[in-house]
């Protein structure tokens, strides 16, 4: 892993100001935390903390009924207990923790990257659209991303020490990171497992079987709470199936979700171009003689990436669990590999045509990804439950008849759509909203759509209803004088 260190002095550039740029990004995002309403999943997490008077209530009413690992909602419950209740204040919890972890990860990573690569790695780690978006959400994804970034210098140092002299502190740090990550998200388990497997391969090549057994034991110890949690919810998990090898029908969708983490949501025709750029980059690295030699220093991190992706595809053979946000855990490692490769091209000052093309491609990817990260807060909008509830509060009294319509094309949720209205509505209006007569005439029918094609939703409503006037308010649809309920 030492192949990416500085090999010659580098002139001071704008990149050396990256700490200032990162600080401005962090402050800017902090100011935007409360700009948009909480959306469905965020409201679910917030409701778990705001409606629980004690940890016992949280455990029995929320944690044990949710298949997701419990650490995030537990932290949020403690945060809310301290008095942080507004949308911005609740979102500040994952934002502050992930920012602190990312700063620590960046400072620790300096040992394995040269000056230029370290600067780009730091900028992109904080600046790509994926972390820009998820760092401002009341969900666990930014914490998983930050822990994955922090685990990289830990596992790199652990690998080096296992081949020389192991320090107990490094082993304990990796254990704690793995334990926290597994209690936050399933996919962190896959990422930590890939790290442990890659370490085991290195140790097996060295015939260091005692250290190999130690790593396996430490990983299983860190993953034991997650195994227990999965066993508790095994009946639910075994019932989830997408059919035989469902992934083959959604390859492009998964790739676009993954690329969106780096470049944001783009027109569909641009994603094939980005895929071609990636293929060209890989081809230059594999078939150029000098470029191929640069990959030797990346053998260990690339093996982690390979094991991770092969593992999740194998596990997902029957279960459709691969999405862009679940793959976010692998992004810091991929950014490290690109930054390390850029470092070697920059410090060696190679002049072959292939190296120049490779250097240009990497520079394009870095600049484009960072620029899209600056734009992403304006390009993506959350579901506006706060505004929808404000509209109801303003235009309807507690005596009005309102019918909330569950989006039948999405399927019902376990707790019902009223959970999302309940979070922002007053108790009186919420009570009136959900206690209605199914076929009562002259009621206003409220539809909040979950999907992108709102015109299609509206047409379905027109086909199923008569005699109504449509008033549009953002994503809220108000249908007046509906003669039949569709709920």
Protein backbone atom coordinates (compact mmCIF):
# COMPACT_ATOMS: atom_id res chain seq x y z
CA UNK A 1 0.00 0.00 0.00
CA UNK A 2 3.00 2.29 0.00
CA UNK A 3 3.03 2.76 -3.77
CA UNK A 4 0.85 5.84 -3.58
CA UNK A 5 3.12 7.88 -1.32
CA UNK A 6 4.77 11.09 -2.53
CA UNK A 7 7.75 10.47 -4.78
CA UNK A 8 8.67 14.04 -5.63
CA UNK A 9 7.79 17.55 -4.42
CA UNK A 10 4.54 18.94 -5.82
CA UNK A 11 3.94 22.63 -6.33
CA UNK A 12 1.31 24.32 -4.22
CA UNK A 13 -1.97 24.45 -6.08
CA UNK A 14 -5.59 25.26 -5.42
CA UNK A 15 -5.99 21.64 -4.30
CA UNK A 16 -3.94 22.46 -1.22
CA UNK A 17 -6.86 24.63 -0.11
CA UNK A 18 -9.13 21.57 0.11
CA UNK A 19 -9.66 21.91 3.90
CA UNK A 20 -11.20 25.35 3.32
CA UNK A 21 -13.38 24.03 0.50
CA UNK A 22 -14.55 21.11 2.63
CA UNK A 23 -15.29 23.42 5.57
CA UNK A 24 -17.43 25.64 3.32
CA UNK A 25 -19.28 22.56 2.01
CA UNK A 26 -20.02 21.33 5.53
CA UNK A 27 -21.31 24.72 6.71
CA UNK A 28 -23.41 25.12 3.57
CA UNK A 29 -25.04 21.73 4.01
CA UNK A 30 -25.66 22.40 7.68
CA UNK A 31 -27.64 25.49 6.66
CA UNK A 32 -29.78 23.34 4.31
CA UNK A 33 -30.69 20.62 6.82
CA UNK A 34 -34.16 21.99 7.49
CA UNK A 35 -34.98 23.27 4.01
CA UNK A 36 -36.99 20.27 2.87
CA UNK A 37 -39.61 18.17 4.62
CA UNK A 38 -38.81 14.79 6.08
CA UNK A 39 -39.79 12.10 3.62
CA UNK A 40 -41.34 8.66 4.22
CA UNK A 41 -38.34 6.78 5.61
CA UNK A 42 -37.17 9.79 7.60
CA UNK A 43 -40.63 10.21 9.14
CA UNK A 44 -40.59 6.55 10.12
CA UNK A 45 -37.27 7.03 11.96
CA UNK A 46 -38.41 10.30 13.52
CA UNK A 47 -41.72 8.78 14.63
CA UNK A 48 -39.87 5.97 16.36
CA UNK A 49 -38.08 8.47 18.59
CA UNK A 50 -40.81 11.09 19.03
CA UNK A 51 -43.59 8.66 19.97
CA UNK A 52 -41.55 6.57 22.39
CA UNK A 53 -41.64 7.69 26.02
CA UNK A 54 -39.02 5.18 27.06
CA UNK A 55 -36.50 2.82 25.55
CA UNK A 56 -38.79 -0.08 26.42
CA UNK A 57 -41.55 1.43 24.24
CA UNK A 58 -39.04 2.06 21.44
CA UNK A 59 -37.80 -1.52 21.65
CA UNK A 60 -41.18 -3.27 21.62
CA UNK A 61 -43.15 -0.93 19.32
CA UNK A 62 -40.47 -0.06 16.80
CA UNK A 63 -37.09 -1.80 16.95
CA UNK A 64 -38.33 -5.37 17.25
CA UNK A 65 -40.93 -4.85 14.53
CA UNK A 66 -38.40 -3.46 12.05
CA UNK A 67 -36.03 -5.78 10.19
CA UNK A 68 -33.33 -3.10 9.92
CA UNK A 69 -30.51 -3.16 12.50
CA UNK A 70 -31.40 -1.09 15.59
CA UNK A 71 -28.43 1.20 16.24
CA UNK A 72 -29.57 4.24 14.27
CA UNK A 73 -33.05 4.51 15.78
CA UNK A 74 -31.55 3.95 19.22
CA UNK A 75 -29.13 6.84 18.73
CA UNK A 76 -31.95 9.00 17.40
CA UNK A 77 -34.08 8.21 20.45
CA UNK A 78 -31.28 9.42 22.72
CA UNK A 79 -30.79 12.53 20.58
CA UNK A 80 -34.49 13.39 20.73
CA UNK A 81 -34.52 12.81 24.50
CA UNK A 82 -31.90 15.57 24.79
CA UNK A 83 -34.38 18.03 23.27
CA UNK A 84 -33.53 18.00 19.56
CA UNK A 85 -36.94 17.86 17.88
CA UNK A 86 -37.12 20.00 14.72
CA UNK A 87 -36.43 18.55 11.27
CA UNK A 88 -33.03 20.25 11.09
CA UNK A 89 -32.11 19.28 14.66
CA UNK A 90 -32.95 15.62 14.08
CA UNK A 91 -31.01 15.53 10.81
CA UNK A 92 -28.07 17.12 12.61
CA UNK A 93 -27.37 13.85 14.44
CA UNK A 94 -26.19 11.75 11.45
CA UNK A 95 -24.77 14.90 9.82
CA UNK A 96 -22.48 15.75 12.76
CA UNK A 97 -21.38 12.18 13.46
CA UNK A 98 -20.64 11.39 9.80
CA UNK A 99 -18.73 14.66 9.36
CA UNK A 100 -16.54 13.92 12.39
CA UNK A 101 -15.88 10.37 11.18
CA UNK A 102 -15.01 11.55 7.67
CA UNK A 103 -12.55 14.14 8.98
CA UNK A 104 -10.86 11.44 11.06
CA UNK A 105 -10.78 9.09 8.06
CA UNK A 106 -9.23 11.74 5.80
CA UNK A 107 -6.48 12.62 8.29
CA UNK A 108 -5.66 8.96 8.90
CA UNK A 109 -5.57 8.19 5.17
CA UNK A 110 -2.67 10.62 4.53
CA UNK A 111 -0.20 7.80 5.07
CA UNK A 112 -1.44 5.87 2.03
CA UNK A 113 -1.89 8.70 -0.46
CA UNK A 114 0.37 11.29 -2.02
CA UNK A 115 -0.31 14.97 -1.79
CA UNK A 116 -2.43 15.38 -4.92
CA UNK A 117 -4.32 12.12 -4.53
CA UNK A 118 -5.04 12.89 -0.89
CA UNK A 119 -6.48 16.29 -1.80
CA UNK A 120 -8.75 14.83 -4.49
CA UNK A 121 -9.76 11.95 -2.24
CA UNK A 122 -10.71 14.38 0.53
CA UNK A 123 -12.69 16.66 -1.78
CA UNK A 124 -14.60 13.79 -3.38
CA UNK A 125 -15.20 11.96 -0.10
CA UNK A 126 -17.04 15.05 1.13
CA UNK A 127 -18.27 16.34 -2.22
CA UNK A 128 -19.81 13.66 -4.45
CA UNK A 129 -23.61 13.74 -4.90
CA UNK A 130 -24.12 10.54 -2.90
CA UNK A 131 -22.79 11.91 0.38
CA UNK A 132 -24.15 15.39 -0.34
CA UNK A 133 -27.64 13.93 -0.51
CA UNK A 134 -27.48 11.32 2.24
CA UNK A 135 -25.62 13.54 4.71
CA UNK A 136 -28.73 15.74 4.83
CA UNK A 137 -31.12 12.82 5.46
CA UNK A 138 -32.39 11.43 8.74
CA UNK A 139 -31.19 7.96 7.82
CA UNK A 140 -28.21 5.74 8.60
CA UNK A 141 -26.60 5.87 5.14
CA UNK A 142 -24.23 8.77 5.80
CA UNK A 143 -23.02 7.02 8.97
CA UNK A 144 -22.43 3.77 7.05
CA UNK A 145 -20.53 5.72 4.38
CA UNK A 146 -18.39 7.46 6.99
CA UNK A 147 -17.64 4.23 8.86
CA UNK A 148 -16.65 2.58 5.58
CA UNK A 149 -14.23 5.45 4.93
CA UNK A 150 -12.82 5.20 8.45
CA UNK A 151 -12.41 1.43 8.13
CA UNK A 152 -10.05 1.80 5.14
CA UNK A 153 -6.99 3.20 6.94
CA UNK A 154 -7.79 0.82 9.81
CA UNK A 155 -7.77 -2.26 7.60
CA UNK A 156 -4.74 -1.05 5.63
CA UNK A 157 -2.80 -0.56 8.84
CA UNK A 158 -4.07 -3.88 10.17
CA UNK A 159 -2.81 -5.63 7.05
CA UNK A 160 0.64 -4.05 7.36
CA UNK A 161 0.89 -4.92 11.05
CA UNK A 162 -0.28 -8.51 10.55
CA UNK A 163 2.71 -8.99 8.26
CA UNK A 164 5.09 -7.45 10.83
CA UNK A 165 4.06 -6.65 14.42
CA UNK A 166 0.37 -6.43 15.31
CA UNK A 167 -0.81 -3.71 17.68
CA UNK A 168 -3.83 -4.51 19.80
CA UNK A 169 -5.15 -0.94 19.38
CA UNK A 170 -5.47 -1.33 15.60
CA UNK A 171 -7.34 -4.60 16.00
CA UNK A 172 -9.72 -3.09 18.57
CA UNK A 173 -10.42 -0.05 16.34
CA UNK A 174 -11.27 -2.27 13.37
CA UNK A 175 -13.45 -4.43 15.63
CA UNK A 176 -15.41 -1.43 16.93
CA UNK A 177 -15.87 0.06 13.45
CA UNK A 178 -17.11 -3.30 12.14
CA UNK A 179 -19.45 -3.76 15.10
CA UNK A 180 -20.98 -0.28 14.69
CA UNK A 181 -21.31 -0.68 10.93
CA UNK A 182 -23.04 -4.07 11.19
CA UNK A 183 -25.53 -2.64 13.69
CA UNK A 184 -26.32 0.19 11.27
CA UNK A 185 -26.86 -1.59 7.97
CA UNK A 186 -26.82 -5.07 6.42
CA UNK A 187 -24.51 -4.06 3.57
CA UNK A 188 -21.80 -2.96 5.97
CA UNK A 189 -21.60 -6.59 7.03
CA UNK A 190 -20.89 -7.51 3.40
CA UNK A 191 -18.22 -4.80 3.17
CA UNK A 192 -16.53 -5.81 6.45
CA UNK A 193 -16.73 -9.44 5.37
CA UNK A 194 -14.91 -8.56 2.14
CA UNK A 195 -12.21 -6.84 4.20
CA UNK A 196 -11.82 -9.88 6.46
CA UNK A 197 -11.73 -12.26 3.46
CA UNK A 198 -9.08 -10.14 1.70
CA UNK A 199 -6.99 -10.10 4.89
CA UNK A 200 -7.37 -13.86 5.15
CA UNK A 201 -6.12 -14.32 1.58
CA UNK A 202 -3.03 -12.20 2.31
CA UNK A 203 -2.31 -14.18 5.47
CA UNK A 204 -2.90 -17.51 3.72
CA UNK A 205 -0.31 -16.58 1.09
CA UNK A 206 2.12 -15.86 3.92
CA UNK A 207 1.08 -19.11 5.66
CA UNK A 208 0.31 -17.06 8.76
CA UNK A 209 -2.59 -19.22 9.90
CA UNK A 210 -2.59 -18.06 13.51
CA UNK A 211 -3.26 -14.45 12.41
CA UNK A 212 -5.82 -15.71 9.89
CA UNK A 213 -7.73 -17.45 12.69
CA UNK A 214 -7.52 -14.27 14.77
CA UNK A 215 -9.04 -12.12 12.00
CA UNK A 216 -11.83 -14.62 11.39
CA UNK A 217 -12.63 -14.72 15.11
CA UNK A 218 -12.64 -10.92 15.44
CA UNK A 219 -14.93 -10.52 12.43
CA UNK A 220 -17.39 -13.15 13.68
CA UNK A 221 -17.38 -11.53 17.11
CA UNK A 222 -18.21 -8.12 15.57
CA UNK A 223 -20.93 -9.62 13.37
CA UNK A 224 -22.51 -11.76 16.12
CA UNK A 225 -25.12 -9.12 17.14
CA UNK A 226 -26.19 -8.77 13.50
CA UNK A 227 -26.44 -12.56 13.12
CA UNK A 228 -28.72 -12.62 16.16
CA UNK A 229 -30.85 -9.84 14.69
CA UNK A 230 -31.13 -11.60 11.34
CA UNK A 231 -32.11 -14.83 13.05
CA UNK A 232 -34.85 -12.98 14.95
CA UNK A 233 -36.25 -11.68 11.64
CA UNK A 234 -35.46 -14.80 9.59
CA UNK A 235 -39.09 -15.54 8.80
CA UNK A 236 -39.54 -12.14 7.17
CA UNK A 237 -36.24 -12.26 5.29
CA UNK A 238 -36.79 -15.74 3.89
CA UNK A 239 -40.15 -14.62 2.55
CA UNK A 240 -38.57 -11.89 0.39
CA UNK A 241 -37.89 -13.08 -3.13
CA UNK A 242 -37.52 -11.46 -6.50
CA UNK A 243 -37.52 -14.66 -8.53
CA UNK A 244 -34.65 -16.63 -9.97
CA UNK A 245 -31.72 -14.33 -10.58
CA UNK A 246 -33.86 -11.20 -10.73
CA UNK A 247 -30.75 -9.04 -11.14
CA UNK A 248 -30.32 -9.95 -14.82
CA UNK A 249 -33.42 -7.88 -15.66
CA UNK A 250 -32.26 -4.82 -13.70
CA UNK A 251 -28.56 -4.50 -14.52
CA UNK A 252 -28.90 -1.08 -16.15
CA UNK A 253 -31.13 0.21 -13.35
CA UNK A 254 -28.58 -0.87 -10.72
CA UNK A 255 -25.72 0.68 -12.69
CA UNK A 256 -27.53 4.01 -13.07
CA UNK A 257 -28.31 4.05 -9.34
CA UNK A 258 -24.64 3.37 -8.60
CA UNK A 259 -23.36 6.02 -11.01
CA UNK A 260 -25.83 8.50 -9.52
CA UNK A 261 -23.86 8.28 -6.27
CA UNK A 262 -20.91 9.81 -8.13
CA UNK A 263 -22.60 12.04 -10.68
CA UNK A 264 -26.13 12.65 -9.44
CA UNK A 265 -29.34 12.08 -11.38
CA UNK A 266 -28.61 12.64 -15.07
CA UNK A 267 -30.59 12.19 -18.30
CA UNK A 268 -30.76 8.47 -19.10
CA UNK A 269 -28.76 8.77 -22.32
CA UNK A 270 -25.69 9.98 -20.38
CA UNK A 271 -25.30 6.85 -18.28
CA UNK A 272 -24.20 4.61 -21.19
CA UNK A 273 -21.54 7.24 -21.97
CA UNK A 274 -20.30 7.13 -18.38
CA UNK A 275 -20.24 3.34 -18.51
CA UNK A 276 -18.13 3.51 -21.68
CA UNK A 277 -15.75 5.95 -19.97
CA UNK A 278 -15.40 3.47 -17.09
CA UNK A 279 -14.72 0.59 -19.48
CA UNK A 280 -12.08 2.67 -21.30
CA UNK A 281 -10.45 3.57 -17.99
CA UNK A 282 -10.31 -0.08 -16.95
CA UNK A 283 -8.95 -1.14 -20.34
CA UNK A 284 -6.13 1.43 -20.15
CA UNK A 285 -5.18 0.16 -16.70
CA UNK A 286 -5.24 -3.51 -17.71
CA UNK A 287 -3.59 -3.42 -21.11
CA UNK A 288 -1.03 -0.62 -20.78
CA UNK A 289 2.32 -1.98 -19.54
CA UNK A 290 3.27 0.93 -17.28
CA UNK A 291 -0.34 1.44 -16.25
CA UNK A 292 -0.74 -2.21 -15.32
CA UNK A 293 2.27 -1.99 -13.04
CA UNK A 294 0.55 0.80 -11.11
CA UNK A 295 -2.21 -1.60 -10.13
CA UNK A 296 0.18 -3.69 -8.04
CA UNK A 297 -0.06 -1.21 -5.18
CA UNK A 298 -3.86 -1.50 -5.41
CA UNK A 299 -4.01 -5.28 -5.28
CA UNK A 300 -5.35 -5.37 -1.71
CA UNK A 301 -8.08 -2.68 -2.01
CA UNK A 302 -9.16 -4.01 -5.41
CA UNK A 303 -9.48 -7.49 -3.94
CA UNK A 304 -11.81 -6.07 -1.26
CA UNK A 305 -13.95 -4.42 -3.94
CA UNK A 306 -14.08 -7.59 -6.02
CA UNK A 307 -15.03 -9.80 -3.08
CA UNK A 308 -17.70 -7.31 -1.98
CA UNK A 309 -19.45 -7.12 -5.36
CA UNK A 310 -19.23 -10.85 -6.03
CA UNK A 311 -20.60 -11.52 -2.56
CA UNK A 312 -23.64 -9.24 -2.80
CA UNK A 313 -24.55 -10.53 -6.26
CA UNK A 314 -24.39 -14.10 -4.94
CA UNK A 315 -26.48 -13.27 -1.87
CA UNK A 316 -28.95 -11.35 -4.04
CA UNK A 317 -29.60 -14.26 -6.38
CA UNK A 318 -33.19 -14.54 -5.15
CA UNK A 319 -33.67 -11.38 -3.11
CA UNK A 320 -33.85 -7.92 -4.79
CA UNK A 321 -31.79 -5.93 -2.28
CA UNK A 322 -29.21 -4.20 -4.48
CA UNK A 323 -29.87 -0.47 -4.80
CA UNK A 324 -27.67 2.57 -5.16
CA UNK A 325 -28.00 3.60 -1.52
CA UNK A 326 -27.06 0.09 -0.37
CA UNK A 327 -23.91 0.22 -2.52
CA UNK A 328 -22.89 3.55 -0.95
CA UNK A 329 -20.71 1.60 1.49
CA UNK A 330 -18.28 0.69 -1.31
CA UNK A 331 -17.83 4.25 -2.64
CA UNK A 332 -14.99 5.41 -0.31
CA UNK A 333 -12.86 2.43 -1.34
CA UNK A 334 -13.48 3.06 -5.03
CA UNK A 335 -12.59 6.74 -4.54
CA UNK A 336 -9.38 5.69 -2.82
CA UNK A 337 -8.39 3.43 -5.73
CA UNK A 338 -9.01 6.22 -8.26
CA UNK A 339 -7.12 8.77 -6.14
CA UNK A 340 -4.19 6.40 -5.69
CA UNK A 341 -4.02 5.75 -9.43
CA UNK A 342 -4.17 9.49 -10.13
CA UNK A 343 -1.37 10.01 -7.62
CA UNK A 344 0.95 7.63 -9.43
CA UNK A 345 0.24 9.19 -12.81
CA UNK A 346 0.83 12.66 -11.37
CA UNK A 347 4.07 11.93 -9.48
CA UNK A 348 5.68 9.70 -12.12
CA UNK A 349 5.01 12.27 -14.82
CA UNK A 350 4.72 9.53 -17.44
CA UNK A 351 4.25 10.72 -20.99
CA UNK A 352 2.85 7.76 -22.91
CA UNK A 353 -0.33 8.37 -24.86
CA UNK A 354 -2.26 5.82 -22.78
CA UNK A 355 -1.16 7.45 -19.53
CA UNK A 356 -2.17 10.87 -20.76
CA UNK A 357 -5.62 9.61 -21.74
CA UNK A 358 -5.95 7.86 -18.39
CA UNK A 359 -4.87 10.99 -16.53
CA UNK A 360 -7.38 13.08 -18.48
CA UNK A 361 -10.22 10.62 -17.82
CA UNK A 362 -9.53 10.61 -14.09
CA UNK A 363 -9.36 14.39 -13.97
CA UNK A 364 -12.65 14.61 -15.87
CA UNK A 365 -14.31 12.16 -13.46
CA UNK A 366 -13.05 14.05 -10.41
CA UNK A 367 -14.12 17.50 -11.62
CA UNK A 368 -17.48 16.31 -12.95
CA UNK A 369 -18.32 14.37 -9.77
CA UNK A 370 -17.41 17.29 -7.50
CA UNK A 371 -19.34 19.78 -9.63
CA UNK A 372 -22.43 17.57 -9.59
CA UNK A 373 -22.09 17.32 -5.82
CA UNK A 374 -22.45 21.09 -5.62
CA UNK A 375 -25.54 20.95 -7.80
CA UNK A 376 -27.23 17.90 -6.24
CA UNK A 377 -29.01 19.72 -3.33
CA UNK A 378 -30.94 21.68 -5.96
CA UNK A 379 -31.58 18.80 -8.37
CA UNK A 380 -33.33 16.39 -6.00
CA UNK A 381 -36.51 17.05 -4.07
CA UNK A 382 -37.88 15.09 -1.16
CA UNK A 383 -41.52 14.17 -0.65
CA UNK A 384 -43.14 17.25 0.83
CA UNK A 385 -45.18 15.86 3.71
CA UNK A 386 -44.59 19.00 5.75
CA UNK A 387 -46.02 21.21 3.01
CA UNK A 388 -48.87 18.77 2.36
CA UNK A 389 -49.85 18.83 6.03
CA UNK A 390 -49.55 22.61 6.12
CA UNK A 391 -51.94 22.76 3.16
CA UNK A 392 -54.45 20.61 5.03
CA UNK A 393 -54.11 22.72 8.20
CA UNK A 394 -54.69 25.89 6.20
CA UNK A 395 -57.58 24.79 3.98
CA UNK A 396 -59.53 22.37 6.17
CA UNK A 397 -61.02 22.48 9.63
CA UNK A 398 -61.24 19.50 11.95
CA UNK A 399 -64.92 19.16 10.95
CA UNK A 400 -64.21 18.71 7.23
CA UNK A 401 -64.42 15.28 5.69
CA UNK A 402 -61.07 14.17 4.27
CA UNK A 403 -60.19 10.82 2.76
CA UNK A 404 -56.50 9.85 2.56
CA UNK A 405 -55.98 7.48 -0.35
CA UNK A 406 -53.34 4.82 -0.09
CA UNK A 407 -51.41 4.56 -3.36
CA UNK A 408 -52.77 1.23 -4.54
CA UNK A 409 -50.10 0.86 -7.21
CA UNK A 410 -47.37 0.94 -4.55
CA UNK A 411 -49.05 -1.42 -2.12
CA UNK A 412 -49.95 -0.76 1.46
CA UNK A 413 -47.41 -0.13 4.19
CA UNK A 414 -47.46 -2.01 7.47
CA UNK A 415 -48.35 1.05 9.51
CA UNK A 416 -50.51 2.75 6.91
CA UNK A 417 -50.09 5.98 5.04
CA UNK A 418 -51.60 7.95 7.92
CA UNK A 419 -48.25 7.61 9.74
CA UNK A 420 -46.74 10.17 7.39
CA UNK A 421 -49.56 12.69 7.78
CA UNK A 422 -49.68 12.13 11.53
CA UNK A 423 -46.15 13.39 12.04
CA UNK A 424 -46.98 16.96 10.97
CA UNK A 425 -50.76 17.23 11.49
CA UNK A 426 -52.40 18.29 14.75
CA UNK A 427 -53.95 15.34 16.67
CA UNK A 428 -57.49 16.66 16.07
CA UNK A 429 -57.10 16.92 12.32
CA UNK A 430 -55.31 13.65 12.09
CA UNK A 431 -58.11 11.94 13.99
CA UNK A 432 -60.63 13.40 11.55
CA UNK A 433 -58.45 12.50 8.60
CA UNK A 434 -58.26 8.79 9.30
CA UNK A 435 -61.76 8.20 10.73
CA UNK A 436 -63.92 8.57 7.68
CA UNK A 437 -66.78 6.70 6.05
CA UNK A 438 -65.49 4.67 3.14
CA UNK A 439 -68.12 5.76 0.60
CA UNK A 440 -69.17 9.05 2.04
CA UNK A 441 -70.03 11.48 -0.80
CA UNK A 442 -68.72 15.02 -1.19
CA UNK A 443 -65.48 14.32 0.61
CA UNK A 444 -62.13 15.62 -0.52
CA UNK A 445 -59.91 12.76 -1.57
CA UNK A 446 -56.23 13.32 -0.72
CA UNK A 447 -53.59 11.48 -2.69
CA UNK A 448 -49.89 11.75 -2.04
CA UNK A 449 -48.00 9.93 -4.76
CA UNK A 450 -44.88 7.83 -4.15
CA UNK A 451 -43.78 7.45 -7.73
CA UNK A 452 -42.27 9.72 -10.35
CA UNK A 453 -44.96 9.52 -13.02
CA UNK A 454 -47.53 11.82 -11.44
CA UNK A 455 -49.45 12.31 -14.70
CA UNK A 456 -50.02 8.56 -14.87
CA UNK A 457 -51.26 8.59 -11.26
CA UNK A 458 -53.62 11.42 -12.06
CA UNK A 459 -55.02 9.56 -15.06
CA UNK A 460 -55.66 6.50 -12.93
CA UNK A 461 -57.60 8.67 -10.54
CA UNK A 462 -59.61 10.15 -13.41
CA UNK A 463 -60.42 6.69 -14.73
CA UNK A 464 -61.66 5.56 -11.31
CA UNK A 465 -63.54 8.68 -10.22
CA UNK A 466 -66.14 11.09 -11.56
CA UNK A 467 -67.16 14.67 -10.92
CA UNK A 468 -64.05 16.18 -9.41
CA UNK A 469 -61.75 19.12 -9.88
CA UNK A 470 -57.99 18.70 -9.54
CA UNK A 471 -56.00 21.22 -7.52
CA UNK A 472 -52.28 20.57 -7.58
CA UNK A 473 -49.98 21.46 -4.72
CA UNK A 474 -46.43 20.26 -5.31
CA UNK A 475 -46.70 16.47 -5.02
CA UNK A 476 -49.97 16.67 -3.10
CA UNK A 477 -53.09 16.03 -5.14
CA UNK A 478 -56.45 17.25 -3.85
CA UNK A 479 -59.47 15.62 -5.50
CA UNK A 480 -62.78 17.28 -4.60
CA UNK A 481 -66.24 15.68 -4.55
CA UNK A 482 -65.11 12.16 -5.26
CA UNK A 483 -68.06 9.78 -5.40
CA UNK A 484 -66.23 6.65 -4.37
CA UNK A 485 -63.29 5.88 -2.13
CA UNK A 486 -60.35 4.03 -3.62
CA UNK A 487 -58.71 3.16 -0.34
